[in-house]
Amino acid sequence: MNSGPPTPHNSQPPVVQLAALARATRDFVDQVVVVTGNVQHVGADYVTDPFFVLIDSDGNWLRVDAWAPLEVPPSPPGMIGRRPLEMRDYLEKWVRLVGMIRQDARRGHYLFRAQKVEIQPVETQLGEAARGVLRQLRADRGARLREAGVSARSAARRTSGE
């Protein structure tokens, strides 16, 4: 299912259905592609367990790396300007991502790393199949943390050096 050689710089990357990426993830490693889906957080906690997925209305999903900061400090009083977008600004929105699948060398899982993100003006709601998949992903993620004896709070303390 490999879509061929890497895309030349002057042409558009291929548009790939999320279902195809989810089914044959390793076939797309290191290839720039375009994919559309709905951004969801399925981690136990937004800050200490930032686990984001892109999901389609049929429940096909792919883990995505955060492309925006999780939080942006508030602007100083009197400062006028638009604040940068945070990941929470993309949650539950349909997006068009241009990027590539990478394999995490330490953990072995695949992760989509977006290079360009566009929020889409789509009014489509996630179907029951997708909502069921999200419920299961969230439950599985929480169970894995509990099984490992790690709460989101203790994981954050360990990584921050407390």
C-alpha atoms as a PDB file:
ATOM      1  CA  MET A   1       0.000   0.000   0.000  1.00  0.00           C
ATOM      2  CA  ASN A   2       3.076   2.217  -0.223  1.00  0.00           C
ATOM      3  CA  SER A   3       2.238   5.328  -2.200  1.00  0.00           C
ATOM      4  CA  GLY A   4       5.586   5.376  -4.013  1.00  0.00           C
ATOM      5  CA  PRO A   5       8.691   7.497  -3.758  1.00  0.00           C
ATOM      6  CA  PRO A   6       8.864  10.611  -1.579  1.00  0.00           C
ATOM      7  CA  THR A   7       6.954  13.579  -2.924  1.00  0.00           C
ATOM      8  CA  PRO A   8       9.091  16.083  -4.862  1.00  0.00           C
ATOM      9  CA  HIS A   9       9.375  19.492  -3.220  1.00  0.00           C
ATOM     10  CA  ASN A  10       7.449  21.352  -5.924  1.00  0.00           C
ATOM     11  CA  SER A  11       4.335  19.125  -5.959  1.00  0.00           C
ATOM     12  CA  GLN A  12       1.532  18.665  -3.495  1.00  0.00           C
ATOM     13  CA  PRO A  13       1.769  15.743  -1.058  1.00  0.00           C
ATOM     14  CA  PRO A  14      -0.818  13.005  -1.585  1.00  0.00           C
ATOM     15  CA  VAL A  15      -4.115  13.154   0.295  1.00  0.00           C
ATOM     16  CA  VAL A  16      -4.506   9.922   2.277  1.00  0.00           C
ATOM     17  CA  GLN A  17      -7.665   8.763   4.024  1.00  0.00           C
ATOM     18  CA  LEU A  18      -7.260   8.369   7.775  1.00  0.00           C
ATOM     19  CA  ALA A  19      -8.530   4.791   7.491  1.00  0.00           C
ATOM     20  CA  ALA A  20      -5.620   3.933   5.141  1.00  0.00           C
ATOM     21  CA  LEU A  21      -3.085   5.556   7.489  1.00  0.00           C
ATOM     22  CA  ALA A  22      -4.511   3.737  10.495  1.00  0.00           C
ATOM     23  CA  ARG A  23      -4.535   0.359   8.677  1.00  0.00           C
ATOM     24  CA  ALA A  24      -1.046   0.550   7.171  1.00  0.00           C
ATOM     25  CA  THR A  25       0.777   3.081   9.326  1.00  0.00           C
ATOM     26  CA  ARG A  26       4.270   1.684   8.765  1.00  0.00           C
ATOM     27  CA  ASP A  27       3.825   1.936   4.972  1.00  0.00           C
ATOM     28  CA  PHE A  28       3.660   5.716   5.297  1.00  0.00           C
ATOM     29  CA  VAL A  29       6.619   6.300   7.650  1.00  0.00           C
ATOM     30  CA  ASP A  30       8.701   9.325   6.587  1.00  0.00           C
ATOM     31  CA  GLN A  31       6.381  10.217   3.686  1.00  0.00           C
ATOM     32  CA  VAL A  32       4.747  13.634   3.635  1.00  0.00           C
ATOM     33  CA  VAL A  33       0.965  13.231   3.334  1.00  0.00           C
ATOM     34  CA  VAL A  34      -2.222  15.223   3.835  1.00  0.00           C
ATOM     35  CA  VAL A  35      -4.891  13.818   6.173  1.00  0.00           C
ATOM     36  CA  THR A  36      -8.136  15.198   7.612  1.00  0.00           C
ATOM     37  CA  GLY A  37      -9.783  14.300  10.902  1.00  0.00           C
ATOM     38  CA  ASN A  38     -11.091  15.477  14.242  1.00  0.00           C
ATOM     39  CA  VAL A  39      -8.588  16.298  17.015  1.00  0.00           C
ATOM     40  CA  GLN A  40      -9.269  14.640  20.372  1.00  0.00           C
ATOM     41  CA  HIS A  41      -7.399  14.381  23.666  1.00  0.00           C
ATOM     42  CA  VAL A  42      -7.590  10.885  25.163  1.00  0.00           C
ATOM     43  CA  GLY A  43      -4.944  11.178  27.881  1.00  0.00           C
ATOM     44  CA  ALA A  44      -5.728  11.000  31.583  1.00  0.00           C
ATOM     45  CA  ASP A  45      -4.873  14.690  32.033  1.00  0.00           C
ATOM     46  CA  TYR A  46      -4.390  17.461  29.445  1.00  0.00           C
ATOM     47  CA  VAL A  47      -1.081  18.789  30.863  1.00  0.00           C
ATOM     48  CA  THR A  48       0.566  15.712  32.361  1.00  0.00           C
ATOM     49  CA  ASP A  49      -0.660  13.146  29.805  1.00  0.00           C
ATOM     50  CA  PRO A  50      -0.966  14.997  26.478  1.00  0.00           C
ATOM     51  CA  PHE A  51      -2.131  12.068  24.318  1.00  0.00           C
ATOM     52  CA  PHE A  52      -3.792  13.430  21.163  1.00  0.00           C
ATOM     53  CA  VAL A  53      -5.412  11.510  18.323  1.00  0.00           C
ATOM     54  CA  LEU A  54      -6.879  12.365  14.957  1.00  0.00           C
ATOM     55  CA  ILE A  55     -10.102  10.410  14.381  1.00  0.00           C
ATOM     56  CA  ASP A  56     -12.575  10.171  11.527  1.00  0.00           C
ATOM     57  CA  SER A  57     -16.337   9.754  11.780  1.00  0.00           C
ATOM     58  CA  ASP A  58     -15.987   5.957  11.364  1.00  0.00           C
ATOM     59  CA  GLY A  59     -13.657   5.604  14.367  1.00  0.00           C
ATOM     60  CA  ASN A  60     -10.352   5.197  12.502  1.00  0.00           C
ATOM     61  CA  TRP A  61      -7.670   6.986  14.496  1.00  0.00           C
ATOM     62  CA  LEU A  62      -4.007   7.870  14.550  1.00  0.00           C
ATOM     63  CA  ARG A  63      -1.890   9.274  17.368  1.00  0.00           C
ATOM     64  CA  VAL A  64      -0.645  12.806  16.646  1.00  0.00           C
ATOM     65  CA  ASP A  65       2.136  14.825  18.205  1.00  0.00           C
ATOM     66  CA  ALA A  66       1.152  18.194  19.695  1.00  0.00           C
ATOM     67  CA  TRP A  67       1.911  20.874  17.078  1.00  0.00           C
ATOM     68  CA  ALA A  68       1.063  23.802  19.319  1.00  0.00           C
ATOM     69  CA  PRO A  69       1.954  24.544  22.941  1.00  0.00           C
ATOM     70  CA  LEU A  70      -0.298  23.017  25.585  1.00  0.00           C
ATOM     71  CA  GLU A  71      -0.576  26.368  27.363  1.00  0.00           C
ATOM     72  CA  VAL A  72       0.453  29.942  26.630  1.00  0.00           C
ATOM     73  CA  PRO A  73       0.981  32.382  29.507  1.00  0.00           C
ATOM     74  CA  PRO A  74      -1.465  35.297  29.540  1.00  0.00           C
ATOM     75  CA  SER A  75      -0.319  38.520  27.925  1.00  0.00           C
ATOM     76  CA  PRO A  76       0.892  41.236  30.290  1.00  0.00           C
ATOM     77  CA  PRO A  77      -1.735  43.877  31.175  1.00  0.00           C
ATOM     78  CA  GLY A  78      -2.027  46.481  28.450  1.00  0.00           C
ATOM     79  CA  MET A  79      -0.427  44.230  25.844  1.00  0.00           C
ATOM     80  CA  ILE A  80      -2.564  44.147  22.738  1.00  0.00           C
ATOM     81  CA  GLY A  81      -2.299  41.354  20.253  1.00  0.00           C
ATOM     82  CA  ARG A  82      -3.510  37.950  19.343  1.00  0.00           C
ATOM     83  CA  ARG A  83      -2.329  35.128  21.550  1.00  0.00           C
ATOM     84  CA  PRO A  84      -0.832  32.075  19.867  1.00  0.00           C
ATOM     85  CA  LEU A  85      -3.106  29.078  19.493  1.00  0.00           C
ATOM     86  CA  GLU A  86      -2.799  26.272  22.037  1.00  0.00           C
ATOM     87  CA  MET A  87      -3.601  22.610  21.439  1.00  0.00           C
ATOM     88  CA  ARG A  88      -6.903  23.101  23.302  1.00  0.00           C
ATOM     89  CA  ASP A  89      -7.948  25.525  20.527  1.00  0.00           C
ATOM     90  CA  TYR A  90      -7.880  22.580  18.093  1.00  0.00           C
ATOM     91  CA  LEU A  91      -9.699  20.054  20.295  1.00  0.00           C
ATOM     92  CA  GLU A  92     -12.906  18.645  18.810  1.00  0.00           C
ATOM     93  CA  LYS A  93     -12.293  20.531  15.561  1.00  0.00           C
ATOM     94  CA  TRP A  94     -11.831  19.075  12.109  1.00  0.00           C
ATOM     95  CA  VAL A  95      -8.365  19.809  10.774  1.00  0.00           C
ATOM     96  CA  ARG A  96      -6.364  19.230   7.633  1.00  0.00           C
ATOM     97  CA  LEU A  97      -2.806  18.190   8.513  1.00  0.00           C
ATOM     98  CA  VAL A  98       0.236  18.071   6.288  1.00  0.00           C
ATOM     99  CA  GLY A  99       3.014  16.065   7.851  1.00  0.00           C
ATOM    100  CA  MET A 100       4.532  12.636   8.226  1.00  0.00           C
ATOM    101  CA  ILE A 101       4.386   9.499  10.319  1.00  0.00           C
ATOM    102  CA  ARG A 102       7.433   8.960  12.496  1.00  0.00           C
ATOM    103  CA  GLN A 103       8.294   6.007  14.690  1.00  0.00           C
ATOM    104  CA  ASP A 104       9.266   6.841  18.271  1.00  0.00           C
ATOM    105  CA  ALA A 105      12.650   5.155  18.712  1.00  0.00           C
ATOM    106  CA  ARG A 106      12.286   4.747  22.494  1.00  0.00           C
ATOM    107  CA  ARG A 107       8.729   3.488  22.646  1.00  0.00           C
ATOM    108  CA  GLY A 108       8.274   1.996  19.194  1.00  0.00           C
ATOM    109  CA  HIS A 109       4.850   3.560  18.540  1.00  0.00           C
ATOM    110  CA  TYR A 110       3.951   5.587  15.467  1.00  0.00           C
ATOM    111  CA  LEU A 111       3.150   9.274  15.702  1.00  0.00           C
ATOM    112  CA  PHE A 112       1.939  11.755  13.080  1.00  0.00           C
ATOM    113  CA  ARG A 113       3.985  14.967  13.170  1.00  0.00           C
ATOM    114  CA  ALA A 114       2.170  17.863  11.524  1.00  0.00           C
ATOM    115  CA  GLN A 115       4.112  20.482   9.605  1.00  0.00           C
ATOM    116  CA  LYS A 116       1.057  22.489   8.555  1.00  0.00           C
ATOM    117  CA  VAL A 117      -2.371  22.645  10.202  1.00  0.00           C
ATOM    118  CA  GLU A 118      -5.606  24.166   8.928  1.00  0.00           C
ATOM    119  CA  ILE A 119      -8.862  24.173  10.876  1.00  0.00           C
ATOM    120  CA  GLN A 120     -11.621  23.074   8.502  1.00  0.00           C
ATOM    121  CA  PRO A 121     -15.086  24.633   8.377  1.00  0.00           C
ATOM    122  CA  VAL A 122     -16.758  21.246   8.794  1.00  0.00           C
ATOM    123  CA  GLU A 123     -19.928  20.840  10.796  1.00  0.00           C
ATOM    124  CA  THR A 124     -19.863  17.030  10.771  1.00  0.00           C
ATOM    125  CA  GLN A 125     -20.342  15.424  14.166  1.00  0.00           C
ATOM    126  CA  LEU A 126     -18.467  12.310  15.149  1.00  0.00           C
ATOM    127  CA  GLY A 127     -20.568   9.196  14.646  1.00  0.00           C
ATOM    128  CA  GLU A 128     -21.450   6.698  17.359  1.00  0.00           C
ATOM    129  CA  ALA A 129     -18.638   4.398  16.185  1.00  0.00           C
ATOM    130  CA  ALA A 130     -16.070   7.174  16.673  1.00  0.00           C
ATOM    131  CA  ARG A 131     -17.501   8.144  20.072  1.00  0.00           C
ATOM    132  CA  GLY A 132     -17.285   4.497  21.165  1.00  0.00           C
ATOM    133  CA  VAL A 133     -13.655   4.285  20.026  1.00  0.00           C
ATOM    134  CA  LEU A 134     -12.819   7.449  21.971  1.00  0.00           C
ATOM    135  CA  ARG A 135     -14.451   6.085  25.126  1.00  0.00           C
ATOM    136  CA  GLN A 136     -12.399   2.901  24.764  1.00  0.00           C
ATOM    137  CA  LEU A 137      -9.139   4.789  24.087  1.00  0.00           C
ATOM    138  CA  ARG A 138      -9.660   6.930  27.183  1.00  0.00           C
ATOM    139  CA  ALA A 139     -10.481   3.902  29.336  1.00  0.00           C
ATOM    140  CA  ASP A 140      -7.469   1.961  28.007  1.00  0.00           C
ATOM    141  CA  ARG A 141      -5.134   4.900  28.596  1.00  0.00           C
ATOM    142  CA  GLY A 142      -6.335   5.312  32.195  1.00  0.00           C
ATOM    143  CA  ALA A 143      -6.099   1.561  32.824  1.00  0.00           C
ATOM    144  CA  ARG A 144      -2.516   1.443  31.520  1.00  0.00           C
ATOM    145  CA  LEU A 145      -1.500   4.254  33.844  1.00  0.00           C
ATOM    146  CA  ARG A 146      -3.214   2.581  36.815  1.00  0.00           C
ATOM    147  CA  GLU A 147      -1.626  -0.772  35.915  1.00  0.00           C
ATOM    148  CA  ALA A 148       1.789   0.830  35.905  1.00  0.00           C
ATOM    149  CA  GLY A 149       0.980   2.422  39.272  1.00  0.00           C
ATOM    150  CA  VAL A 150       1.375   5.867  37.792  1.00  0.00           C
ATOM    151  CA  SER A 151      -1.086   8.649  38.323  1.00  0.00           C
ATOM    152  CA  ALA A 152      -0.982  11.613  35.976  1.00  0.00           C
ATOM    153  CA  ARG A 153       0.118  13.773  38.922  1.00  0.00           C
ATOM    154  CA  SER A 154       2.996  11.474  39.945  1.00  0.00           C
ATOM    155  CA  ALA A 155       4.155  11.189  36.330  1.00  0.00           C
ATOM    156  CA  ALA A 156       4.321  14.985  36.167  1.00  0.00           C
ATOM    157  CA  ARG A 157       6.345  15.149  39.425  1.00  0.00           C
ATOM    158  CA  ARG A 158       8.831  12.605  38.119  1.00  0.00           C
ATOM    159  CA  THR A 159       9.380  14.467  34.858  1.00  0.00           C
ATOM    160  CA  SER A 160       9.666  17.852  36.577  1.00  0.00           C
ATOM    161  CA  GLY A 161      12.194  16.562  39.119  1.00  0.00           C
ATOM    162  CA  GLU A 162      10.073  17.029  42.263  1.00  0.00           C
END
